[in-house]
Amino acid sequence: AARIIQNMDPTADPCKDFYQYACGGWLNRHVIPETSSRYSIFDILRDELEIILKGVLETSDQGDREAFQKAKILYRSCMNESLIEQRDSLPLLEALRMVGDWPVASADWDKTKEPSWSMEENLSIMNSRFNKRVLIDMFVWNDDQDSSRHIIYIDQPSLGMPSRDYYFNGGNYQRVREAYLQFMITIAKMIREDKNVSRDDSFVQEEMVKVMELETEIAN
């Protein structure tokens, strides 16, 4: 309550300018940082919480319950930048291997991988191991018709870009779309190089255009 009152401007007449009355104290004391597009009480609370979490995660894990130990291990792994640089693309290549490789980053995927590749199996791996929903989203949540129980929901997943507009609209959307395609092409070339697969820019270009066309069909 004290924070809400502090963010108000009681000197303003609420009948003339309710926004100034309700938010004037906040506006007088805060400026949107150059690193942000917005700044609200929730942003401040998030920053305060991150400082607290940082302190908690950097304490020793002696005697912690298992969930806390896992959180600290994850935090340390993310902060170990020298090891991240040393491993380079190996974690990504290992992830690709687990889901049956990537056709555009393979010289003979159709011969060595496709015969035994299962979409159902790999969709489940993407979901369970990497928390990534592809083509189908599936999750457990409260039943809308009976909140006392949980049910399985099957839904459409998110798209590669933030919304359907990016796939069809012009202007800035088109520029993002072109950059998105170029990004996919660049990543494919990098992975082919890291896997010592021969360079074939025209093949990569054609394959990534097909990927873009598939994503556009899904968005539609």
Protein backbone atom coordinates (compact mmCIF):
# COMPACT_ATOMS: atom_id res chain seq x y z
CA ALA A 1 0.00 0.00 0.00
CA ALA A 2 2.84 2.39 0.84
CA ARG A 3 4.43 1.76 -2.54
CA ILE A 4 1.14 2.44 -4.35
CA ILE A 5 0.67 5.70 -2.44
CA GLN A 6 4.25 6.69 -3.22
CA ASN A 7 3.58 6.21 -6.92
CA MET A 8 0.55 8.50 -6.85
CA ASP A 9 0.39 12.29 -7.13
CA PRO A 10 -2.23 13.43 -4.60
CA THR A 11 -1.73 17.07 -5.62
CA ALA A 12 -3.37 16.35 -9.00
CA ASP A 13 -7.13 16.59 -9.41
CA PRO A 14 -8.36 13.07 -10.29
CA CYS A 15 -11.42 14.54 -12.04
CA LYS A 16 -9.18 16.48 -14.44
CA ASP A 17 -6.19 14.15 -14.92
CA PHE A 18 -6.69 10.75 -13.35
CA TYR A 19 -3.53 9.33 -14.94
CA GLN A 20 -1.35 12.01 -13.30
CA TYR A 21 -3.21 11.44 -10.02
CA ALA A 22 -2.70 7.66 -10.12
CA CYS A 23 0.82 7.52 -11.62
CA GLY A 24 2.38 10.96 -11.17
CA GLY A 25 4.67 9.90 -8.33
CA TRP A 26 6.06 7.09 -10.45
CA LEU A 27 6.60 9.36 -13.47
CA ASN A 28 8.45 11.93 -11.33
CA ARG A 29 10.90 9.39 -9.93
CA HIS A 30 11.59 7.01 -12.83
CA VAL A 31 13.03 7.21 -16.33
CA ILE A 32 12.85 4.32 -18.81
CA PRO A 33 16.42 2.89 -19.02
CA GLU A 34 18.10 2.96 -22.42
CA THR A 35 18.29 -0.84 -22.27
CA SER A 36 14.51 -1.23 -21.92
CA SER A 37 11.43 -0.50 -23.99
CA ARG A 38 9.28 -0.30 -20.82
CA TYR A 39 9.72 0.21 -17.09
CA SER A 40 7.11 -0.66 -14.50
CA ILE A 41 6.84 -1.84 -10.93
CA PHE A 42 7.06 -5.40 -12.22
CA ASP A 43 10.41 -4.67 -13.86
CA ILE A 44 11.76 -3.34 -10.57
CA LEU A 45 10.45 -6.37 -8.67
CA ARG A 46 12.04 -8.66 -11.28
CA ASP A 47 15.42 -6.91 -10.92
CA GLU A 48 15.21 -7.16 -7.12
CA LEU A 49 14.28 -10.83 -7.36
CA GLU A 50 17.17 -11.59 -9.72
CA ILE A 51 19.63 -10.06 -7.23
CA ILE A 52 18.18 -12.25 -4.46
CA LEU A 53 18.27 -15.35 -6.67
CA LYS A 54 21.87 -14.64 -7.66
CA GLY A 55 22.85 -14.59 -4.00
CA VAL A 56 21.01 -17.83 -3.31
CA LEU A 57 22.42 -19.64 -6.35
CA GLU A 58 26.00 -18.64 -5.52
CA THR A 59 25.93 -20.07 -1.97
CA SER A 60 27.37 -23.52 -1.33
CA ASP A 61 24.96 -26.38 -1.97
CA GLN A 62 25.92 -28.42 1.08
CA GLY A 63 22.81 -29.93 2.63
CA ASP A 64 20.47 -28.54 -0.04
CA ARG A 65 17.52 -30.52 -1.25
CA GLU A 66 17.90 -32.04 -4.71
CA ALA A 67 15.88 -29.38 -6.55
CA PHE A 68 18.10 -26.59 -5.18
CA GLN A 69 21.25 -28.52 -6.08
CA LYS A 70 20.03 -28.90 -9.67
CA ALA A 71 19.27 -25.16 -9.91
CA LYS A 72 22.78 -24.30 -8.67
CA ILE A 73 24.40 -26.77 -11.06
CA LEU A 74 22.46 -25.24 -13.96
CA TYR A 75 23.46 -21.73 -12.87
CA ARG A 76 27.16 -22.66 -12.61
CA SER A 77 27.06 -24.35 -16.01
CA CYS A 78 25.67 -21.17 -17.58
CA MET A 79 28.27 -18.98 -15.85
CA ASN A 80 31.21 -21.17 -16.91
CA GLU A 81 31.87 -19.22 -20.11
CA SER A 82 35.36 -20.66 -20.67
CA LEU A 83 33.97 -24.20 -20.82
CA ILE A 84 31.09 -23.02 -23.03
CA GLU A 85 33.61 -21.52 -25.46
CA GLN A 86 35.74 -24.66 -25.29
CA ARG A 87 32.81 -26.98 -26.10
CA ASP A 88 31.78 -24.70 -28.97
CA SER A 89 29.10 -26.43 -31.09
CA LEU A 90 29.42 -29.91 -29.54
CA PRO A 91 26.23 -29.66 -27.40
CA LEU A 92 24.19 -28.64 -30.45
CA LEU A 93 25.67 -31.42 -32.58
CA GLU A 94 24.85 -33.91 -29.83
CA ALA A 95 21.26 -32.63 -29.67
CA LEU A 96 20.94 -33.06 -33.44
CA ARG A 97 22.30 -36.60 -33.20
CA MET A 98 19.65 -37.47 -30.60
CA VAL A 99 16.79 -36.47 -32.90
CA GLY A 100 18.15 -38.20 -35.98
CA ASP A 101 20.42 -35.49 -37.39
CA TRP A 102 19.48 -32.63 -39.71
CA PRO A 103 19.08 -33.40 -43.44
CA VAL A 104 20.53 -30.06 -44.56
CA ALA A 105 23.65 -30.70 -42.46
CA SER A 106 24.24 -34.21 -43.76
CA ALA A 107 25.68 -35.54 -46.99
CA ASP A 108 23.55 -38.71 -47.10
CA TRP A 109 20.71 -38.30 -44.58
CA ASP A 110 18.16 -39.98 -46.85
CA LYS A 111 20.30 -43.12 -47.03
CA THR A 112 21.71 -43.44 -43.51
CA LYS A 113 19.01 -41.86 -41.27
CA GLU A 114 15.66 -41.66 -43.04
CA PRO A 115 14.91 -45.43 -43.26
CA SER A 116 14.80 -45.76 -39.45
CA TRP A 117 13.71 -42.19 -38.59
CA SER A 118 10.36 -41.87 -36.79
CA MET A 119 8.58 -38.52 -36.53
CA GLU A 120 6.48 -39.63 -33.54
CA GLU A 121 9.54 -40.79 -31.62
CA ASN A 122 11.51 -37.63 -32.31
CA LEU A 123 8.62 -35.32 -31.48
CA SER A 124 8.47 -37.00 -28.07
CA ILE A 125 12.24 -36.60 -27.60
CA MET A 126 12.04 -32.91 -28.50
CA ASN A 127 9.27 -32.49 -25.94
CA SER A 128 10.69 -34.57 -23.09
CA ARG A 129 14.41 -33.80 -23.41
CA PHE A 130 14.43 -30.26 -24.78
CA ASN A 131 10.98 -28.90 -23.84
CA LYS A 132 10.49 -28.00 -27.50
CA ARG A 133 7.09 -28.45 -29.12
CA VAL A 134 7.19 -29.02 -32.87
CA LEU A 135 4.04 -29.36 -35.05
CA ILE A 136 1.97 -30.36 -31.98
CA ASP A 137 1.86 -28.87 -28.50
CA MET A 138 0.83 -31.19 -25.69
CA PHE A 139 0.58 -30.33 -22.01
CA VAL A 140 -1.31 -31.11 -18.80
CA TRP A 141 -3.46 -28.36 -17.27
CA ASN A 142 -6.64 -27.79 -15.30
CA ASP A 143 -9.81 -28.99 -17.00
CA ASP A 144 -11.85 -25.94 -18.03
CA GLN A 145 -15.04 -27.82 -17.29
CA ASP A 146 -13.92 -29.30 -13.96
CA SER A 147 -11.13 -27.41 -12.16
CA SER A 148 -10.68 -30.22 -9.63
CA ARG A 149 -8.90 -32.40 -12.19
CA HIS A 150 -6.11 -32.11 -14.76
CA ILE A 151 -6.35 -33.26 -18.36
CA ILE A 152 -4.11 -33.59 -21.42
CA TYR A 153 -4.39 -30.69 -23.87
CA ILE A 154 -3.37 -30.96 -27.52
CA ASP A 155 -2.87 -27.62 -29.24
CA GLN A 156 -0.96 -25.83 -31.96
CA PRO A 157 2.63 -24.89 -31.00
CA SER A 158 4.26 -21.50 -31.32
CA LEU A 159 5.81 -20.52 -34.65
CA GLY A 160 9.47 -19.94 -35.43
CA MET A 161 8.80 -16.19 -35.51
CA PRO A 162 6.67 -14.37 -32.92
CA SER A 163 3.35 -14.37 -34.80
CA ARG A 164 1.56 -15.20 -38.04
CA ASP A 165 1.98 -11.59 -39.23
CA TYR A 166 5.71 -12.10 -39.77
CA TYR A 167 5.05 -14.69 -42.48
CA PHE A 168 2.62 -12.68 -44.59
CA ASN A 169 2.81 -8.92 -43.97
CA GLY A 170 5.11 -6.46 -45.71
CA GLY A 171 7.26 -3.61 -44.41
CA ASN A 172 9.24 -4.42 -41.27
CA TYR A 173 7.69 -7.89 -41.17
CA GLN A 174 9.20 -8.69 -44.56
CA ARG A 175 12.63 -7.45 -43.46
CA VAL A 176 12.48 -9.69 -40.39
CA ARG A 177 11.33 -12.58 -42.59
CA GLU A 178 14.31 -12.13 -44.91
CA ALA A 179 16.71 -11.90 -41.95
CA TYR A 180 15.13 -15.03 -40.43
CA LEU A 181 15.75 -17.01 -43.61
CA GLN A 182 19.31 -15.74 -43.84
CA PHE A 183 19.86 -16.71 -40.19
CA MET A 184 18.73 -20.28 -40.91
CA ILE A 185 21.05 -20.46 -43.91
CA THR A 186 23.99 -19.18 -41.86
CA ILE A 187 23.41 -21.69 -39.05
CA ALA A 188 23.11 -24.57 -41.52
CA LYS A 189 26.41 -23.60 -43.17
CA MET A 190 28.13 -23.37 -39.77
CA ILE A 191 26.89 -26.80 -38.70
CA ARG A 192 27.95 -28.38 -42.01
CA GLU A 193 31.41 -26.90 -41.51
CA ASP A 194 31.62 -28.14 -37.89
CA LYS A 195 30.59 -31.63 -39.05
CA ASN A 196 33.18 -31.54 -41.84
CA VAL A 197 30.49 -31.86 -44.50
CA SER A 198 31.46 -30.48 -47.89
CA ARG A 199 30.32 -26.96 -48.69
CA ASP A 200 27.22 -26.74 -50.88
CA ASP A 201 25.67 -23.26 -50.60
CA SER A 202 23.04 -23.80 -53.30
CA PHE A 203 21.77 -26.97 -51.60
CA VAL A 204 21.55 -25.18 -48.22
CA GLN A 205 19.72 -22.26 -49.83
CA GLU A 206 17.17 -24.55 -51.49
CA GLU A 207 16.57 -26.59 -48.31
CA MET A 208 16.10 -23.54 -46.07
CA VAL A 209 13.65 -22.00 -48.54
CA LYS A 210 11.66 -25.25 -48.25
CA VAL A 211 11.75 -24.94 -44.46
CA MET A 212 10.48 -21.36 -44.76
CA GLU A 213 7.68 -22.50 -47.06
CA LEU A 214 6.66 -25.22 -44.58
CA GLU A 215 6.62 -22.76 -41.67
CA THR A 216 4.52 -20.39 -43.79
CA GLU A 217 2.01 -23.17 -44.49
CA ILE A 218 1.82 -23.97 -40.78
CA ALA A 219 1.36 -20.27 -39.98
CA ASN A 220 -1.50 -20.16 -42.48
